[in-house]
Amino acid sequence: MEDAFFSRFPGFQPDPSLSATEDFSRLAHHMNWTTGSKKYRKERVKFASTEFERYYHIGNKLQNYRALCQELRVEGPLTSVTQCRKALAKVHVNIFDLIDSRRTGAVVQKFPNHAALRKYTKDTDKIFPKQAAKADGFLKELLRRIL
């Protein structure tokens, strides 16, 4: 399957066995983007949005929410989008790790609280772009203030 995001960059071959952040770093190096530059940030937002959509928009809204809840081992009555959203609001996971779980098969680490998630996210620099998460809507429940 052709990758809509990476196909825009001739000469670059994505490696689906790598984490999303590693693959984007390879692309940034290939394209000579300076980490943190306007171009780097703009492309990172596009990349994050594309990757999440690729792995998580697979059915209707309720199916997507239920699949995410199941993957994150969220229990309880999940018969509506509202119930799923409320349940997900209590879960602390890194969104890039969530993408990587679909990409590489890695198990998503759940954090006991917001502070632990914040520390991990800052330490690993796996900060999911706020613009991408807010534009998606589906991600809003998992978005946490990190910086």
N, C-alpha and C. Protein backbone atom coordinates (compact mmCIF):
# COMPACT_ATOMS: atom_id res chain seq x y z
N MET A 1 0.84 -1.19 0.00
CA MET A 1 0.00 0.00 0.00
C MET A 1 0.89 1.25 0.00
N GLU A 2 0.63 2.15 -0.91
CA GLU A 2 1.42 3.38 -0.99
C GLU A 2 1.07 4.29 0.18
N ASP A 3 2.08 4.89 0.72
CA ASP A 3 1.90 5.79 1.85
C ASP A 3 1.70 7.20 1.33
N ALA A 4 0.53 7.77 1.59
CA ALA A 4 0.18 9.10 1.07
C ALA A 4 1.14 10.18 1.54
N PHE A 5 1.59 10.11 2.77
CA PHE A 5 2.49 11.14 3.28
C PHE A 5 3.88 10.99 2.67
N PHE A 6 4.47 9.82 2.78
CA PHE A 6 5.85 9.62 2.34
C PHE A 6 6.01 9.68 0.82
N SER A 7 4.96 9.41 0.07
CA SER A 7 5.07 9.42 -1.39
C SER A 7 5.38 10.81 -1.94
N ARG A 8 5.23 11.84 -1.12
CA ARG A 8 5.54 13.21 -1.54
C ARG A 8 7.04 13.49 -1.55
N PHE A 9 7.84 12.53 -1.08
CA PHE A 9 9.28 12.76 -0.94
C PHE A 9 10.07 11.73 -1.75
N PRO A 10 10.36 12.06 -3.01
CA PRO A 10 11.09 11.13 -3.87
C PRO A 10 12.44 10.75 -3.26
N GLY A 11 12.77 9.49 -3.40
CA GLY A 11 14.06 9.01 -2.91
C GLY A 11 14.03 8.56 -1.46
N PHE A 12 12.90 8.78 -0.78
CA PHE A 12 12.82 8.34 0.61
C PHE A 12 11.93 7.11 0.69
N GLN A 13 12.43 6.08 1.34
CA GLN A 13 11.68 4.85 1.53
C GLN A 13 11.37 4.67 3.01
N PRO A 14 10.09 4.74 3.41
CA PRO A 14 9.76 4.55 4.83
C PRO A 14 10.04 3.11 5.26
N ASP A 15 10.27 2.94 6.53
CA ASP A 15 10.54 1.62 7.11
C ASP A 15 9.47 1.34 8.16
N PRO A 16 8.44 0.57 7.80
CA PRO A 16 7.33 0.32 8.73
C PRO A 16 7.73 -0.46 9.98
N SER A 17 8.94 -1.02 10.00
CA SER A 17 9.37 -1.73 11.21
C SER A 17 9.88 -0.76 12.28
N LEU A 18 10.10 0.50 11.89
CA LEU A 18 10.55 1.52 12.84
C LEU A 18 9.36 2.22 13.49
N SER A 19 9.61 2.85 14.61
CA SER A 19 8.55 3.65 15.23
C SER A 19 8.26 4.85 14.33
N ALA A 20 7.10 5.44 14.51
CA ALA A 20 6.72 6.61 13.72
C ALA A 20 7.71 7.75 13.91
N THR A 21 8.12 7.99 15.14
CA THR A 21 9.05 9.09 15.39
C THR A 21 10.41 8.82 14.75
N GLU A 22 10.86 7.57 14.77
CA GLU A 22 12.13 7.23 14.12
C GLU A 22 12.04 7.42 12.61
N ASP A 23 10.94 6.99 12.01
CA ASP A 23 10.78 7.12 10.57
C ASP A 23 10.71 8.59 10.17
N PHE A 24 10.00 9.40 10.95
CA PHE A 24 9.94 10.83 10.64
C PHE A 24 11.32 11.47 10.79
N SER A 25 12.07 11.07 11.78
CA SER A 25 13.43 11.60 11.96
C SER A 25 14.31 11.25 10.76
N ARG A 26 14.16 10.04 10.24
CA ARG A 26 14.91 9.64 9.04
C ARG A 26 14.54 10.55 7.87
N LEU A 27 13.22 10.81 7.72
CA LEU A 27 12.77 11.68 6.64
C LEU A 27 13.33 13.09 6.81
N ALA A 28 13.26 13.62 8.01
CA ALA A 28 13.76 14.98 8.27
C ALA A 28 15.24 15.07 7.92
N HIS A 29 16.00 14.04 8.27
CA HIS A 29 17.43 14.01 7.93
C HIS A 29 17.61 13.95 6.41
N HIS A 30 16.83 13.09 5.76
CA HIS A 30 16.88 12.94 4.30
C HIS A 30 16.59 14.26 3.59
N MET A 31 15.64 15.02 4.14
CA MET A 31 15.22 16.28 3.52
C MET A 31 16.01 17.49 4.04
N ASN A 32 16.93 17.24 4.97
CA ASN A 32 17.74 18.32 5.57
C ASN A 32 16.89 19.36 6.30
N TRP A 33 15.84 18.91 6.98
CA TRP A 33 15.03 19.82 7.79
C TRP A 33 15.69 19.97 9.15
N THR A 34 15.79 21.17 9.61
CA THR A 34 16.33 21.42 10.94
C THR A 34 15.25 21.14 11.97
N THR A 35 15.58 20.33 12.98
CA THR A 35 14.63 20.02 14.04
C THR A 35 14.10 21.31 14.65
N GLY A 36 12.77 21.42 14.69
CA GLY A 36 12.14 22.60 15.28
C GLY A 36 11.88 23.73 14.30
N SER A 37 12.41 23.62 13.08
CA SER A 37 12.18 24.68 12.09
C SER A 37 10.71 24.69 11.68
N LYS A 38 10.29 25.77 11.03
CA LYS A 38 8.89 25.90 10.60
C LYS A 38 8.51 24.74 9.67
N LYS A 39 9.37 24.42 8.72
CA LYS A 39 9.10 23.33 7.78
C LYS A 39 9.00 21.99 8.52
N TYR A 40 9.92 21.76 9.44
CA TYR A 40 9.92 20.53 10.24
C TYR A 40 8.61 20.40 11.01
N ARG A 41 8.20 21.45 11.69
CA ARG A 41 6.97 21.40 12.49
C ARG A 41 5.74 21.20 11.61
N LYS A 42 5.71 21.89 10.47
CA LYS A 42 4.57 21.78 9.55
C LYS A 42 4.44 20.34 9.03
N GLU A 43 5.56 19.76 8.62
CA GLU A 43 5.53 18.40 8.09
C GLU A 43 5.24 17.38 9.19
N ARG A 44 5.68 17.65 10.40
CA ARG A 44 5.43 16.74 11.52
C ARG A 44 3.93 16.68 11.84
N VAL A 45 3.25 17.82 11.74
CA VAL A 45 1.80 17.85 11.94
C VAL A 45 1.11 17.01 10.87
N LYS A 46 1.51 17.20 9.61
CA LYS A 46 0.91 16.42 8.51
C LYS A 46 1.17 14.93 8.70
N PHE A 47 2.41 14.61 9.06
CA PHE A 47 2.79 13.22 9.27
C PHE A 47 1.97 12.58 10.39
N ALA A 48 1.88 13.26 11.52
CA ALA A 48 1.14 12.72 12.67
C ALA A 48 -0.32 12.49 12.31
N SER A 49 -0.93 13.45 11.64
CA SER A 49 -2.34 13.31 11.24
C SER A 49 -2.53 12.14 10.30
N THR A 50 -1.66 12.04 9.30
CA THR A 50 -1.76 10.97 8.31
C THR A 50 -1.57 9.60 8.95
N GLU A 51 -0.56 9.49 9.81
CA GLU A 51 -0.29 8.20 10.46
C GLU A 51 -1.46 7.78 11.35
N PHE A 52 -2.00 8.70 12.13
CA PHE A 52 -3.10 8.33 13.01
C PHE A 52 -4.32 7.91 12.18
N GLU A 53 -4.62 8.68 11.17
CA GLU A 53 -5.78 8.36 10.33
C GLU A 53 -5.60 7.00 9.66
N ARG A 54 -4.41 6.74 9.21
CA ARG A 54 -4.11 5.48 8.52
C ARG A 54 -4.40 4.26 9.40
N TYR A 55 -4.06 4.35 10.67
CA TYR A 55 -4.19 3.20 11.55
C TYR A 55 -5.46 3.18 12.39
N TYR A 56 -6.13 4.32 12.54
CA TYR A 56 -7.24 4.36 13.48
C TYR A 56 -8.59 4.74 12.90
N HIS A 57 -8.68 5.18 11.69
CA HIS A 57 -9.98 5.47 11.09
C HIS A 57 -10.34 4.32 10.17
N ILE A 58 -10.92 3.29 10.77
CA ILE A 58 -11.15 2.05 10.04
C ILE A 58 -12.62 1.71 9.86
N GLY A 59 -13.49 2.40 10.54
CA GLY A 59 -14.92 2.10 10.46
C GLY A 59 -15.70 3.35 10.79
N ASN A 60 -16.93 3.14 11.28
CA ASN A 60 -17.70 4.30 11.70
C ASN A 60 -17.18 4.80 13.04
N LYS A 61 -17.70 5.91 13.49
CA LYS A 61 -17.20 6.57 14.69
C LYS A 61 -17.22 5.66 15.92
N LEU A 62 -18.34 4.98 16.16
CA LEU A 62 -18.44 4.10 17.32
C LEU A 62 -17.47 2.93 17.20
N GLN A 63 -17.35 2.36 16.01
CA GLN A 63 -16.40 1.25 15.82
C GLN A 63 -14.97 1.70 16.12
N ASN A 64 -14.62 2.89 15.66
CA ASN A 64 -13.27 3.41 15.91
C ASN A 64 -13.02 3.59 17.41
N TYR A 65 -13.99 4.18 18.10
CA TYR A 65 -13.84 4.38 19.54
C TYR A 65 -13.76 3.05 20.29
N ARG A 66 -14.61 2.11 19.92
CA ARG A 66 -14.60 0.81 20.58
C ARG A 66 -13.27 0.08 20.36
N ALA A 67 -12.77 0.14 19.13
CA ALA A 67 -11.49 -0.52 18.82
C ALA A 67 -10.36 0.09 19.65
N LEU A 68 -10.38 1.41 19.79
CA LEU A 68 -9.36 2.08 20.59
C LEU A 68 -9.48 1.69 22.06
N CYS A 69 -10.70 1.66 22.57
CA CYS A 69 -10.92 1.26 23.97
C CYS A 69 -10.44 -0.17 24.20
N GLN A 70 -10.74 -1.05 23.27
CA GLN A 70 -10.32 -2.44 23.40
C GLN A 70 -8.79 -2.53 23.39
N GLU A 71 -8.16 -1.83 22.48
CA GLU A 71 -6.70 -1.85 22.40
C GLU A 71 -6.05 -1.34 23.68
N LEU A 72 -6.68 -0.36 24.30
CA LEU A 72 -6.13 0.23 25.53
C LEU A 72 -6.64 -0.47 26.79
N ARG A 73 -7.34 -1.59 26.59
CA ARG A 73 -7.84 -2.39 27.71
C ARG A 73 -8.74 -1.58 28.64
N VAL A 74 -9.59 -0.77 28.03
CA VAL A 74 -10.56 0.03 28.78
C VAL A 74 -11.81 -0.82 28.97
N GLU A 75 -12.26 -0.92 30.19
CA GLU A 75 -13.43 -1.73 30.49
C GLU A 75 -14.63 -0.86 30.82
N GLY A 76 -15.78 -1.48 30.82
CA GLY A 76 -17.00 -0.76 31.16
C GLY A 76 -17.98 -0.80 30.01
N PRO A 77 -19.15 -0.20 30.22
CA PRO A 77 -20.14 -0.17 29.14
C PRO A 77 -19.66 0.77 28.03
N LEU A 78 -19.47 0.23 26.86
CA LEU A 78 -18.98 1.02 25.73
C LEU A 78 -19.96 0.92 24.57
N THR A 79 -21.21 1.26 24.85
CA THR A 79 -22.26 1.11 23.84
C THR A 79 -22.53 2.38 23.06
N SER A 80 -21.85 3.47 23.45
CA SER A 80 -22.04 4.73 22.73
C SER A 80 -20.71 5.47 22.62
N VAL A 81 -20.65 6.40 21.70
CA VAL A 81 -19.46 7.23 21.53
C VAL A 81 -19.19 8.00 22.83
N THR A 82 -20.24 8.52 23.45
CA THR A 82 -20.08 9.28 24.69
C THR A 82 -19.45 8.43 25.79
N GLN A 83 -19.91 7.20 25.96
CA GLN A 83 -19.33 6.32 26.97
C GLN A 83 -17.86 6.03 26.68
N CYS A 84 -17.54 5.81 25.43
CA CYS A 84 -16.14 5.56 25.04
C CYS A 84 -15.29 6.79 25.32
N ARG A 85 -15.79 7.96 24.96
CA ARG A 85 -15.03 9.19 25.17
C ARG A 85 -14.76 9.43 26.65
N LYS A 86 -15.77 9.22 27.47
CA LYS A 86 -15.59 9.40 28.92
C LYS A 86 -14.56 8.41 29.47
N ALA A 87 -14.60 7.18 29.00
CA ALA A 87 -13.65 6.17 29.46
C ALA A 87 -12.23 6.52 29.01
N LEU A 88 -12.07 6.98 27.78
CA LEU A 88 -10.75 7.33 27.26
C LEU A 88 -10.17 8.56 27.94
N ALA A 89 -11.02 9.44 28.42
CA ALA A 89 -10.54 10.66 29.09
C ALA A 89 -9.76 10.33 30.36
N LYS A 90 -9.94 9.12 30.87
CA LYS A 90 -9.24 8.70 32.10
C LYS A 90 -7.96 7.92 31.81
N VAL A 91 -7.66 7.70 30.53
CA VAL A 91 -6.50 6.90 30.14
C VAL A 91 -5.33 7.82 29.80
N HIS A 92 -4.14 7.44 30.25
CA HIS A 92 -2.93 8.23 29.99
C HIS A 92 -1.98 7.41 29.13
N VAL A 93 -1.95 7.73 27.82
CA VAL A 93 -1.04 7.06 26.88
C VAL A 93 -0.40 8.09 25.97
N ASN A 94 0.76 7.75 25.46
CA ASN A 94 1.42 8.61 24.49
C ASN A 94 0.83 8.30 23.11
N ILE A 95 0.39 9.31 22.39
CA ILE A 95 -0.29 9.10 21.11
C ILE A 95 0.65 8.52 20.06
N PHE A 96 1.92 8.94 20.06
CA PHE A 96 2.86 8.33 19.11
C PHE A 96 3.06 6.84 19.44
N ASP A 97 3.06 6.48 20.72
CA ASP A 97 3.16 5.07 21.08
C ASP A 97 1.94 4.30 20.60
N LEU A 98 0.81 4.95 20.60
CA LEU A 98 -0.42 4.34 20.10
C LEU A 98 -0.28 4.02 18.61
N ILE A 99 0.24 4.97 17.85
CA ILE A 99 0.48 4.74 16.42
C ILE A 99 1.48 3.60 16.25
N ASP A 100 2.54 3.63 17.05
CA ASP A 100 3.57 2.59 16.93
C ASP A 100 3.03 1.20 17.25
N SER A 101 2.03 1.12 18.11
CA SER A 101 1.46 -0.19 18.44
C SER A 101 0.85 -0.82 17.20
N ARG A 102 0.25 -0.02 16.35
CA ARG A 102 -0.31 -0.54 15.10
C ARG A 102 0.79 -0.75 14.06
N ARG A 103 1.77 0.10 14.08
CA ARG A 103 2.87 0.05 13.11
C ARG A 103 3.80 -1.12 13.35
N THR A 104 4.17 -1.35 14.61
CA THR A 104 5.22 -2.34 14.92
C THR A 104 4.73 -3.50 15.78
N GLY A 105 3.52 -3.40 16.31
CA GLY A 105 3.01 -4.45 17.17
C GLY A 105 3.38 -4.29 18.63
N ALA A 106 4.06 -3.20 18.97
CA ALA A 106 4.44 -2.95 20.37
C ALA A 106 3.20 -2.71 21.22
N VAL A 107 3.26 -3.14 22.46
CA VAL A 107 2.16 -2.93 23.40
C VAL A 107 2.20 -1.48 23.88
N VAL A 108 1.04 -0.84 23.93
CA VAL A 108 0.95 0.55 24.37
C VAL A 108 1.11 0.61 25.88
N GLN A 109 2.03 1.44 26.32
CA GLN A 109 2.24 1.63 27.76
C GLN A 109 1.19 2.60 28.29
N LYS A 110 0.48 2.18 29.33
CA LYS A 110 -0.47 3.06 30.01
C LYS A 110 0.22 3.62 31.25
N PHE A 111 0.05 4.90 31.47
CA PHE A 111 0.69 5.56 32.61
C PHE A 111 -0.33 5.73 33.73
N PRO A 112 0.14 5.66 34.97
CA PRO A 112 -0.79 5.74 36.11
C PRO A 112 -1.42 7.11 36.30
N ASN A 113 -0.74 8.14 35.79
CA ASN A 113 -1.27 9.50 35.97
C ASN A 113 -0.67 10.44 34.92
N HIS A 114 -1.19 11.64 34.92
CA HIS A 114 -0.77 12.66 33.95
C HIS A 114 0.70 13.02 34.11
N ALA A 115 1.17 13.10 35.34
CA ALA A 115 2.57 13.48 35.60
C ALA A 115 3.54 12.46 35.00
N ALA A 116 3.24 11.18 35.14
CA ALA A 116 4.10 10.13 34.59
C ALA A 116 4.10 10.18 33.06
N LEU A 117 2.93 10.41 32.46
CA LEU A 117 2.85 10.55 31.01
C LEU A 117 3.65 11.77 30.55
N ARG A 118 3.51 12.88 31.23
CA ARG A 118 4.22 14.10 30.87
C ARG A 118 5.74 13.87 30.90
N LYS A 119 6.23 13.25 31.97
CA LYS A 119 7.67 13.00 32.10
C LYS A 119 8.17 12.12 30.95
N TYR A 120 7.47 11.02 30.69
CA TYR A 120 7.86 10.10 29.61
C TYR A 120 7.85 10.82 28.26
N THR A 121 6.80 11.56 27.99
CA THR A 121 6.65 12.24 26.71
C THR A 121 7.76 13.26 26.49
N LYS A 122 8.08 14.02 27.52
CA LYS A 122 9.16 15.00 27.41
C LYS A 122 10.52 14.32 27.27
N ASP A 123 10.74 13.26 28.04
CA ASP A 123 12.02 12.54 28.00
C ASP A 123 12.28 11.91 26.64
N THR A 124 11.22 11.42 25.99
CA THR A 124 11.37 10.74 24.69
C THR A 124 11.12 11.67 23.51
N ASP A 125 10.68 12.89 23.78
CA ASP A 125 10.34 13.88 22.74
C ASP A 125 9.27 13.35 21.79
N LYS A 126 8.35 12.57 22.32
CA LYS A 126 7.24 12.04 21.52
C LYS A 126 6.00 12.89 21.78
N ILE A 127 6.12 14.16 21.44
CA ILE A 127 5.03 15.11 21.67
C ILE A 127 4.18 15.17 20.40
N PHE A 128 2.96 14.69 20.51
CA PHE A 128 2.05 14.69 19.36
C PHE A 128 1.58 16.11 19.12
N PRO A 129 1.66 16.60 17.87
CA PRO A 129 1.27 17.99 17.59
C PRO A 129 -0.18 18.27 17.96
N LYS A 130 -0.37 19.30 18.76
CA LYS A 130 -1.71 19.67 19.23
C LYS A 130 -2.64 19.96 18.06
N GLN A 131 -2.12 20.61 17.01
CA GLN A 131 -2.95 20.94 15.85
C GLN A 131 -3.52 19.68 15.21
N ALA A 132 -2.70 18.64 15.12
CA ALA A 132 -3.15 17.39 14.51
C ALA A 132 -4.21 16.72 15.38
N ALA A 133 -4.01 16.72 16.67
CA ALA A 133 -4.96 16.07 17.58
C ALA A 133 -6.29 16.80 17.61
N LYS A 134 -6.25 18.12 17.66
CA LYS A 134 -7.50 18.90 17.71
C LYS A 134 -8.26 18.81 16.40
N ALA A 135 -7.55 18.77 15.29
CA ALA A 135 -8.20 18.69 13.98
C ALA A 135 -8.91 17.35 13.82
N ASP A 136 -8.38 16.32 14.44
CA ASP A 136 -8.93 14.98 14.30
C ASP A 136 -10.23 14.80 15.08
N GLY A 137 -10.32 15.33 16.28
CA GLY A 137 -11.51 15.16 17.09
C GLY A 137 -11.50 13.83 17.84
N PHE A 138 -11.20 12.77 17.14
CA PHE A 138 -11.12 11.43 17.71
C PHE A 138 -10.04 11.36 18.78
N LEU A 139 -9.01 12.15 18.61
CA LEU A 139 -7.87 12.14 19.53
C LEU A 139 -8.05 13.04 20.75
N LYS A 140 -9.03 13.90 20.70
CA LYS A 140 -9.18 14.90 21.75
C LYS A 140 -9.20 14.30 23.16
N GLU A 141 -9.81 13.15 23.31
CA GLU A 141 -9.90 12.52 24.63
C GLU A 141 -8.54 12.08 25.16
N LEU A 142 -7.58 11.82 24.27
CA LEU A 142 -6.26 11.36 24.70
C LEU A 142 -5.24 12.48 24.82
N LEU A 143 -5.60 13.65 24.34
CA LEU A 143 -4.67 14.77 24.35
C LEU A 143 -4.51 15.31 25.77
N ARG A 144 -3.28 15.48 26.19
CA ARG A 144 -2.97 16.02 27.52
C ARG A 144 -1.98 17.16 27.38
N ARG A 145 -2.04 18.10 28.29
CA ARG A 145 -1.06 19.20 28.29
C ARG A 145 0.27 18.64 28.75
N ILE A 146 1.28 18.79 27.91
CA ILE A 146 2.60 18.23 28.21
C ILE A 146 3.59 19.33 28.55
N LEU A 147 3.61 20.38 27.77
CA LEU A 147 4.59 21.45 28.00
C LEU A 147 4.03 22.54 28.87
